[in-house]
PDB file of N, CA and C in Angstrom:
ATOM      1  N   MET A   1     101.124 104.140 115.295  1.00  0.00           N
ATOM      2  CA  MET A   1     101.907 103.645 114.212  1.00  0.00           C
ATOM      3  C   MET A   1     100.881 104.374 113.161  1.00  0.00           C
ATOM      4  N   ALA A   2     101.691 104.966 112.205  1.00  0.00           N
ATOM      5  CA  ALA A   2     100.853 105.450 111.075  1.00  0.00           C
ATOM      6  C   ALA A   2     100.506 104.244 109.973  1.00  0.00           C
ATOM      7  N   TYR A   3      99.211 104.719 109.561  1.00  0.00           N
ATOM      8  CA  TYR A   3      98.977 103.460 108.330  1.00  0.00           C
ATOM      9  C   TYR A   3      98.761 104.319 107.322  1.00  0.00           C
ATOM     10  N   ALA A   4      99.008 103.759 106.071  1.00  0.00           N
ATOM     11  CA  ALA A   4      98.641 103.881 104.772  1.00  0.00           C
ATOM     12  C   ALA A   4      97.399 103.077 104.050  1.00  0.00           C
ATOM     13  N   PHE A   5      97.263 103.484 103.038  1.00  0.00           N
ATOM     14  CA  PHE A   5      96.201 102.640 102.307  1.00  0.00           C
ATOM     15  C   PHE A   5      96.588 102.726 100.506  1.00  0.00           C
ATOM     16  N   THR A   6      96.427 101.418 100.319  1.00  0.00           N
ATOM     17  CA  THR A   6      96.690 101.238  98.413  1.00  0.00           C
ATOM     18  C   THR A   6      95.667 102.234  97.839  1.00  0.00           C
ATOM     19  N   GLU A   7      96.173 102.484  96.462  1.00  0.00           N
ATOM     20  CA  GLU A   7      95.148 103.165  95.494  1.00  0.00           C
ATOM     21  C   GLU A   7      93.948 101.995  95.459  1.00  0.00           C
ATOM     22  N   TYR A   8      94.314 100.613  95.274  1.00  0.00           N
ATOM     23  CA  TYR A   8      93.424  99.466  95.048  1.00  0.00           C
ATOM     24  C   TYR A   8      92.169  99.706  96.407  1.00  0.00           C
ATOM     25  N   PHE A   9      93.138  99.894  97.452  1.00  0.00           N
ATOM     26  CA  PHE A   9      91.759  99.725  98.401  1.00  0.00           C
ATOM     27  C   PHE A   9      90.964 101.207  98.520  1.00  0.00           C
ATOM     28  N   GLU A  10      91.899 102.206  98.338  1.00  0.00           N
ATOM     29  CA  GLU A  10      90.695 103.526  98.043  1.00  0.00           C
ATOM     30  C   GLU A  10      89.690 103.289  97.279  1.00  0.00           C
ATOM     31  N   ARG A  11      90.194 102.632  96.022  1.00  0.00           N
ATOM     32  CA  ARG A  11      89.138 103.153  94.932  1.00  0.00           C
ATOM     33  C   ARG A  11      88.389 101.791  94.826  1.00  0.00           C
ATOM     34  N   LYS A  12      88.753 100.528  95.095  1.00  0.00           N
ATOM     35  CA  LYS A  12      87.909  99.560  94.859  1.00  0.00           C
ATOM     36  C   LYS A  12      87.335  98.942  95.836  1.00  0.00           C
ATOM     37  N   VAL A  13      88.138  98.580  96.962  1.00  0.00           N
ATOM     38  CA  VAL A  13      87.503  98.071  98.168  1.00  0.00           C
ATOM     39  C   VAL A  13      86.426  98.896  99.039  1.00  0.00           C
ATOM     40  N   LEU A  14      86.658 100.118  99.076  1.00  0.00           N
ATOM     41  CA  LEU A  14      85.703 101.058  99.519  1.00  0.00           C
ATOM     42  C   LEU A  14      84.495 101.215  99.002  1.00  0.00           C
ATOM     43  N   ALA A  15      84.904 101.144  97.518  1.00  0.00           N
ATOM     44  CA  ALA A  15      83.568 101.200  97.007  1.00  0.00           C
ATOM     45  C   ALA A  15      82.631 100.433  96.806  1.00  0.00           C
ATOM     46  N   LYS A  16      83.141  98.847  96.722  1.00  0.00           N
ATOM     47  CA  LYS A  16      82.571  97.804  96.614  1.00  0.00           C
ATOM     48  C   LYS A  16      81.948  97.182  97.986  1.00  0.00           C
ATOM     49  N   ARG A  17      82.739  97.734  98.866  1.00  0.00           N
ATOM     50  CA  ARG A  17      82.215  97.304 100.449  1.00  0.00           C
ATOM     51  C   ARG A  17      82.116  98.572 101.242  1.00  0.00           C
ATOM     52  N   PRO A  18      80.936  99.591 100.977  1.00  0.00           N
ATOM     53  CA  PRO A  18      80.916 100.820 101.630  1.00  0.00           C
ATOM     54  C   PRO A  18      80.399 100.761 102.904  1.00  0.00           C
ATOM     55  N   TYR A  19      80.105  99.378 103.783  1.00  0.00           N
ATOM     56  CA  TYR A  19      79.907  99.128 105.055  1.00  0.00           C
ATOM     57  C   TYR A  19      81.263  99.221 105.888  1.00  0.00           C
ATOM     58  N   LEU A  20      82.272  99.068 105.174  1.00  0.00           N
ATOM     59  CA  LEU A  20      83.611  99.172 105.918  1.00  0.00           C
ATOM     60  C   LEU A  20      84.015 100.428 105.968  1.00  0.00           C
ATOM     61  N   THR A  21      84.965 100.808 107.043  1.00  0.00           N
ATOM     62  CA  THR A  21      85.377 101.923 107.290  1.00  0.00           C
ATOM     63  C   THR A  21      87.099 101.861 107.409  1.00  0.00           C
ATOM     64  N   LYS A  22      87.793 102.574 107.115  1.00  0.00           N
ATOM     65  CA  LYS A  22      89.444 102.555 107.430  1.00  0.00           C
ATOM     66  C   LYS A  22      89.461 102.722 108.985  1.00  0.00           C
ATOM     67  N   ALA A  23      88.752 103.460 109.696  1.00  0.00           N
ATOM     68  CA  ALA A  23      88.861 103.039 111.294  1.00  0.00           C
ATOM     69  C   ALA A  23      88.871 101.776 111.644  1.00  0.00           C
ATOM     70  N   MET A  24      87.775 100.967 111.090  1.00  0.00           N
ATOM     71  CA  MET A  24      87.513  99.128 111.442  1.00  0.00           C
ATOM     72  C   MET A  24      88.557  98.651 110.887  1.00  0.00           C
ATOM     73  N   CYS A  25      89.382  98.796 109.824  1.00  0.00           N
ATOM     74  CA  CYS A  25      90.563  98.153 109.291  1.00  0.00           C
ATOM     75  C   CYS A  25      91.683  98.500 110.218  1.00  0.00           C
ATOM     76  N   ILE A  26      91.884  99.742 110.613  1.00  0.00           N
ATOM     77  CA  ILE A  26      93.036  99.750 111.414  1.00  0.00           C
ATOM     78  C   ILE A  26      92.810  99.337 112.524  1.00  0.00           C
ATOM     79  N   ARG A  27      92.203  99.554 113.314  1.00  0.00           N
ATOM     80  CA  ARG A  27      91.612  98.379 114.389  1.00  0.00           C
ATOM     81  C   ARG A  27      92.088  97.027 114.210  1.00  0.00           C
ATOM     82  N   ALA A  28      91.803  96.474 113.233  1.00  0.00           N
ATOM     83  CA  ALA A  28      92.046  95.069 113.097  1.00  0.00           C
ATOM     84  C   ALA A  28      93.185  94.835 112.982  1.00  0.00           C
ATOM     85  N   VAL A  29      93.926  95.604 112.378  1.00  0.00           N
ATOM     86  CA  VAL A  29      95.511  95.610 112.326  1.00  0.00           C
ATOM     87  C   VAL A  29      96.123  95.961 113.604  1.00  0.00           C
ATOM     88  N   ALA A  30      95.585  96.796 114.114  1.00  0.00           N
ATOM     89  CA  ALA A  30      96.555  97.113 115.457  1.00  0.00           C
ATOM     90  C   ALA A  30      96.026  96.038 116.608  1.00  0.00           C
ATOM     91  N   ALA A  31      95.113  95.558 116.487  1.00  0.00           N
ATOM     92  CA  ALA A  31      94.773  94.527 117.795  1.00  0.00           C
ATOM     93  C   ALA A  31      93.851  93.165 117.214  1.00  0.00           C
ATOM     94  N   PRO A  32      94.932  92.659 116.598  1.00  0.00           N
ATOM     95  CA  PRO A  32      94.143  91.381 115.779  1.00  0.00           C
ATOM     96  C   PRO A  32      93.942  90.304 116.701  1.00  0.00           C
ATOM     97  N   LEU A  33      93.113  89.278 116.565  1.00  0.00           N
ATOM     98  CA  LEU A  33      92.786  88.137 116.985  1.00  0.00           C
ATOM     99  C   LEU A  33      93.941  86.766 116.538  1.00  0.00           C
ATOM    100  N   ARG A  34      94.256  87.204 115.122  1.00  0.00           N
ATOM    101  CA  ARG A  34      95.186  86.447 114.611  1.00  0.00           C
ATOM    102  C   ARG A  34      95.712  87.085 113.417  1.00  0.00           C
ATOM    103  N   LYS A  35      97.244  86.914 113.329  1.00  0.00           N
ATOM    104  CA  LYS A  35      97.811  87.318 112.366  1.00  0.00           C
ATOM    105  C   LYS A  35      98.793  86.424 111.411  1.00  0.00           C
ATOM    106  N   GLU A  36      98.807  86.337 110.340  1.00  0.00           N
ATOM    107  CA  GLU A  36      99.612  85.495 109.470  1.00  0.00           C
ATOM    108  C   GLU A  36     100.384  86.103 108.028  1.00  0.00           C
ATOM    109  N   VAL A  37     101.648  85.573 108.295  1.00  0.00           N
ATOM    110  CA  VAL A  37     102.242  86.131 106.795  1.00  0.00           C
ATOM    111  C   VAL A  37     102.223  85.201 105.942  1.00  0.00           C
ATOM    112  N   GLN A  38     101.619  85.695 104.662  1.00  0.00           N
ATOM    113  CA  GLN A  38     101.562  84.633 103.418  1.00  0.00           C
ATOM    114  C   GLN A  38     102.835  84.093 103.130  1.00  0.00           C
ATOM    115  N   ALA A  39     102.822  82.787 102.549  1.00  0.00           N
ATOM    116  CA  ALA A  39     103.865  81.925 102.687  1.00  0.00           C
ATOM    117  C   ALA A  39     105.230  82.817 101.549  1.00  0.00           C
ATOM    118  N   ASP A  40     104.810  83.510 100.616  1.00  0.00           N
ATOM    119  CA  ASP A  40     105.425  84.156  99.784  1.00  0.00           C
ATOM    120  C   ASP A  40     106.051  85.746 100.439  1.00  0.00           C
ATOM    121  N   GLY A  41     105.403  86.275 101.401  1.00  0.00           N
ATOM    122  CA  GLY A  41     105.974  87.157 102.298  1.00  0.00           C
ATOM    123  C   GLY A  41     105.397  88.543 101.777  1.00  0.00           C
ATOM    124  N   GLU A  42     104.973  88.406 100.665  1.00  0.00           N
ATOM    125  CA  GLU A  42     104.135  89.594 100.228  1.00  0.00           C
ATOM    126  C   GLU A  42     103.325  90.396 100.868  1.00  0.00           C
ATOM    127  N   ARG A  43     102.247  89.676 101.938  1.00  0.00           N
ATOM    128  CA  ARG A  43     101.064  90.184 102.262  1.00  0.00           C
ATOM    129  C   ARG A  43     101.029  89.580 103.590  1.00  0.00           C
ATOM    130  N   VAL A  44     100.338  90.551 104.755  1.00  0.00           N
ATOM    131  CA  VAL A  44     100.068  89.557 106.064  1.00  0.00           C
ATOM    132  C   VAL A  44      98.714  90.082 106.228  1.00  0.00           C
ATOM    133  N   ARG A  45      97.966  88.812 106.739  1.00  0.00           N
ATOM    134  CA  ARG A  45      96.743  88.956 106.910  1.00  0.00           C
ATOM    135  C   ARG A  45      96.339  89.042 108.631  1.00  0.00           C
ATOM    136  N   PHE A  46      95.161  89.576 108.782  1.00  0.00           N
ATOM    137  CA  PHE A  46      94.810  90.136 110.370  1.00  0.00           C
ATOM    138  C   PHE A  46      93.606  89.794 110.312  1.00  0.00           C
ATOM    139  N   TRP A  47      93.132  89.217 111.527  1.00  0.00           N
ATOM    140  CA  TRP A  47      91.769  89.034 111.777  1.00  0.00           C
ATOM    141  C   TRP A  47      91.185  89.598 112.766  1.00  0.00           C
ATOM    142  N   ALA A  48      90.193  90.481 112.989  1.00  0.00           N
ATOM    143  CA  ALA A  48      89.344  90.883 114.439  1.00  0.00           C
ATOM    144  C   ALA A  48      87.974  90.619 114.417  1.00  0.00           C
ATOM    145  N   ALA A  49      87.344  90.708 115.362  1.00  0.00           N
ATOM    146  CA  ALA A  49      85.946  90.843 115.581  1.00  0.00           C
ATOM    147  C   ALA A  49      85.517  92.168 114.950  1.00  0.00           C
ATOM    148  N   ALA A  50      84.296  92.458 114.392  1.00  0.00           N
ATOM    149  CA  ALA A  50      84.104  93.613 114.070  1.00  0.00           C
ATOM    150  C   ALA A  50      82.680  93.720 114.269  1.00  0.00           C
ATOM    151  N   PRO A  51      81.985  94.229 115.500  1.00  0.00           N
ATOM    152  CA  PRO A  51      80.693  94.643 115.957  1.00  0.00           C
ATOM    153  C   PRO A  51      79.738  95.359 115.091  1.00  0.00           C
ATOM    154  N   GLU A  52      80.343  95.906 114.121  1.00  0.00           N
ATOM    155  CA  GLU A  52      79.697  97.070 113.290  1.00  0.00           C
ATOM    156  C   GLU A  52      79.178  95.714 111.924  1.00  0.00           C
ATOM    157  N   LEU A  53      79.795  94.608 112.065  1.00  0.00           N
ATOM    158  CA  LEU A  53      79.546  93.723 111.092  1.00  0.00           C
ATOM    159  C   LEU A  53      78.527  92.298 111.477  1.00  0.00           C
ATOM    160  N   GLY A  54      77.999  92.631 112.622  1.00  0.00           N
ATOM    161  CA  GLY A  54      77.033  92.051 113.173  1.00  0.00           C
ATOM    162  C   GLY A  54      77.742  90.556 113.845  1.00  0.00           C
ATOM    163  N   GLY A  55      78.854  90.816 114.573  1.00  0.00           N
ATOM    164  CA  GLY A  55      79.616  90.082 114.928  1.00  0.00           C
ATOM    165  C   GLY A  55      80.401  89.114 114.181  1.00  0.00           C
ATOM    166  N   ARG A  56      80.450  89.197 112.903  1.00  0.00           N
ATOM    167  CA  ARG A  56      81.157  88.642 112.033  1.00  0.00           C
ATOM    168  C   ARG A  56      82.898  89.067 112.231  1.00  0.00           C
ATOM    169  N   PHE A  57      83.447  88.426 111.874  1.00  0.00           N
ATOM    170  CA  PHE A  57      85.326  88.769 111.505  1.00  0.00           C
ATOM    171  C   PHE A  57      85.527  89.330 110.297  1.00  0.00           C
ATOM    172  N   LEU A  58      86.322  90.496 110.598  1.00  0.00           N
ATOM    173  CA  LEU A  58      86.887  91.155 109.678  1.00  0.00           C
ATOM    174  C   LEU A  58      88.248  90.903 109.134  1.00  0.00           C
ATOM    175  N   ARG A  59      88.790  90.366 107.831  1.00  0.00           N
ATOM    176  CA  ARG A  59      90.070  90.048 107.493  1.00  0.00           C
ATOM    177  C   ARG A  59      90.429  90.965 106.767  1.00  0.00           C
ATOM    178  N   VAL A  60      91.779  91.841 107.312  1.00  0.00           N
ATOM    179  CA  VAL A  60      92.187  92.811 106.396  1.00  0.00           C
ATOM    180  C   VAL A  60      93.703  92.274 106.148  1.00  0.00           C
ATOM    181  N   VAL A  61      94.269  92.956 104.921  1.00  0.00           N
ATOM    182  CA  VAL A  61      95.261  92.268 103.973  1.00  0.00           C
ATOM    183  C   VAL A  61      96.005  93.235 104.002  1.00  0.00           C
ATOM    184  N   THR A  62      97.451  93.295 104.330  1.00  0.00           N
ATOM    185  CA  THR A  62      98.135  94.464 104.249  1.00  0.00           C
ATOM    186  C   THR A  62      99.491  94.052 103.519  1.00  0.00           C
ATOM    187  N   LEU A  63     100.321  95.358 102.729  1.00  0.00           N
ATOM    188  CA  LEU A  63     101.432  94.758 102.209  1.00  0.00           C
ATOM    189  C   LEU A  63     102.523  94.500 103.311  1.00  0.00           C
ATOM    190  N   ALA A  64     103.437  93.747 102.901  1.00  0.00           N
ATOM    191  CA  ALA A  64     104.522  93.186 103.753  1.00  0.00           C
ATOM    192  C   ALA A  64     105.011  94.126 104.521  1.00  0.00           C
ATOM    193  N   ASP A  65     104.517  95.345 104.647  1.00  0.00           N
ATOM    194  CA  ASP A  65     105.455  96.260 105.908  1.00  0.00           C
ATOM    195  C   ASP A  65     104.373  96.239 106.937  1.00  0.00           C
ATOM    196  N   GLY A  66     103.269  95.558 106.950  1.00  0.00           N
ATOM    197  CA  GLY A  66     102.200  95.533 108.289  1.00  0.00           C
ATOM    198  C   GLY A  66     101.575  96.821 108.250  1.00  0.00           C
ATOM    199  N   ARG A  67     101.542  97.757 107.439  1.00  0.00           N
ATOM    200  CA  ARG A  67     100.683  98.960 107.925  1.00  0.00           C
ATOM    201  C   ARG A  67     100.272  99.715 106.636  1.00  0.00           C
ATOM    202  N   THR A  68     100.468  98.941 105.527  1.00  0.00           N
ATOM    203  CA  THR A  68      99.830  99.612 104.299  1.00  0.00           C
ATOM    204  C   THR A  68      98.583  98.619 103.787  1.00  0.00           C
ATOM    205  N   ILE A  69      97.540  99.093 104.215  1.00  0.00           N
ATOM    206  CA  ILE A  69      96.291  98.203 103.841  1.00  0.00           C
ATOM    207  C   ILE A  69      95.673  98.229 102.353  1.00  0.00           C
ATOM    208  N   HIS A  70      95.473  97.029 101.953  1.00  0.00           N
ATOM    209  CA  HIS A  70      95.664  96.718 100.796  1.00  0.00           C
ATOM    210  C   HIS A  70      93.893  95.911 100.160  1.00  0.00           C
ATOM    211  N   ASN A  71      93.394  95.161 101.537  1.00  0.00           N
ATOM    212  CA  ASN A  71      92.195  94.765 101.057  1.00  0.00           C
ATOM    213  C   ASN A  71      91.491  94.471 102.540  1.00  0.00           C
ATOM    214  N   ALA A  72      90.144  94.384 102.399  1.00  0.00           N
ATOM    215  CA  ALA A  72      89.617  93.922 103.481  1.00  0.00           C
ATOM    216  C   ALA A  72      88.084  93.506 103.557  1.00  0.00           C
ATOM    217  N   PHE A  73      87.676  92.524 104.086  1.00  0.00           N
ATOM    218  CA  PHE A  73      86.414  92.100 103.897  1.00  0.00           C
ATOM    219  C   PHE A  73      85.978  91.124 105.314  1.00  0.00           C
ATOM    220  N   PRO A  74      84.639  90.888 105.120  1.00  0.00           N
ATOM    221  CA  PRO A  74      84.088  90.068 106.180  1.00  0.00           C
ATOM    222  C   PRO A  74      84.665  88.702 106.142  1.00  0.00           C
ATOM    223  N   ASP A  75      85.307  87.911 106.599  1.00  0.00           N
ATOM    224  CA  ASP A  75      85.430  86.297 106.513  1.00  0.00           C
ATOM    225  C   ASP A  75      84.541  85.600 107.069  1.00  0.00           C
ATOM    226  N   ARG A  76      83.620  84.676 106.274  1.00  0.00           N
ATOM    227  CA  ARG A  76      82.887  83.925 107.321  1.00  0.00           C
ATOM    228  C   ARG A  76      83.268  82.347 107.522  1.00  0.00           C
ATOM    229  N   ARG A  77      84.683  82.572 106.843  1.00  0.00           N
ATOM    230  CA  ARG A  77      85.087  80.926 107.101  1.00  0.00           C
ATOM    231  C   ARG A  77      86.454  81.031 108.710  1.00  0.00           C
ATOM    232  N   PHE A  78      86.457  82.001 109.184  1.00  0.00           N
ATOM    233  CA  PHE A  78      87.514  82.270 110.091  1.00  0.00           C
ATOM    234  C   PHE A  78      86.756  81.781 111.410  1.00  0.00           C
ATOM    235  N   LYS A  79      87.562  80.998 112.132  1.00  0.00           N
ATOM    236  CA  LYS A  79      87.163  80.417 113.256  1.00  0.00           C
ATOM    237  C   LYS A  79      88.311  80.887 114.391  1.00  0.00           C
ATOM    238  N   PRO A  80      87.935  81.529 115.463  1.00  0.00           N
ATOM    239  CA  PRO A  80      89.014  82.479 116.352  1.00  0.00           C
ATOM    240  C   PRO A  80      89.590  81.075 117.266  1.00  0.00           C
TER     241      PRO A  80
END
């Protein structure tokens, strides 16, 4: 499956969180521990373990297509 990235992700997210990589985000979307569609259907959330983050979990948010990555961050509140 081919993945794309929003301009927001490319310019803001990667600049604000330089410890994140596109590869980490793609892995989370490809093999999530949990996946949820927002109530409005506009975004899809994926959670995955990220060893690079010291055992924390990464939340990746895509557009409705589930392939265009829009946001990503370590999610401290996620419980598997």
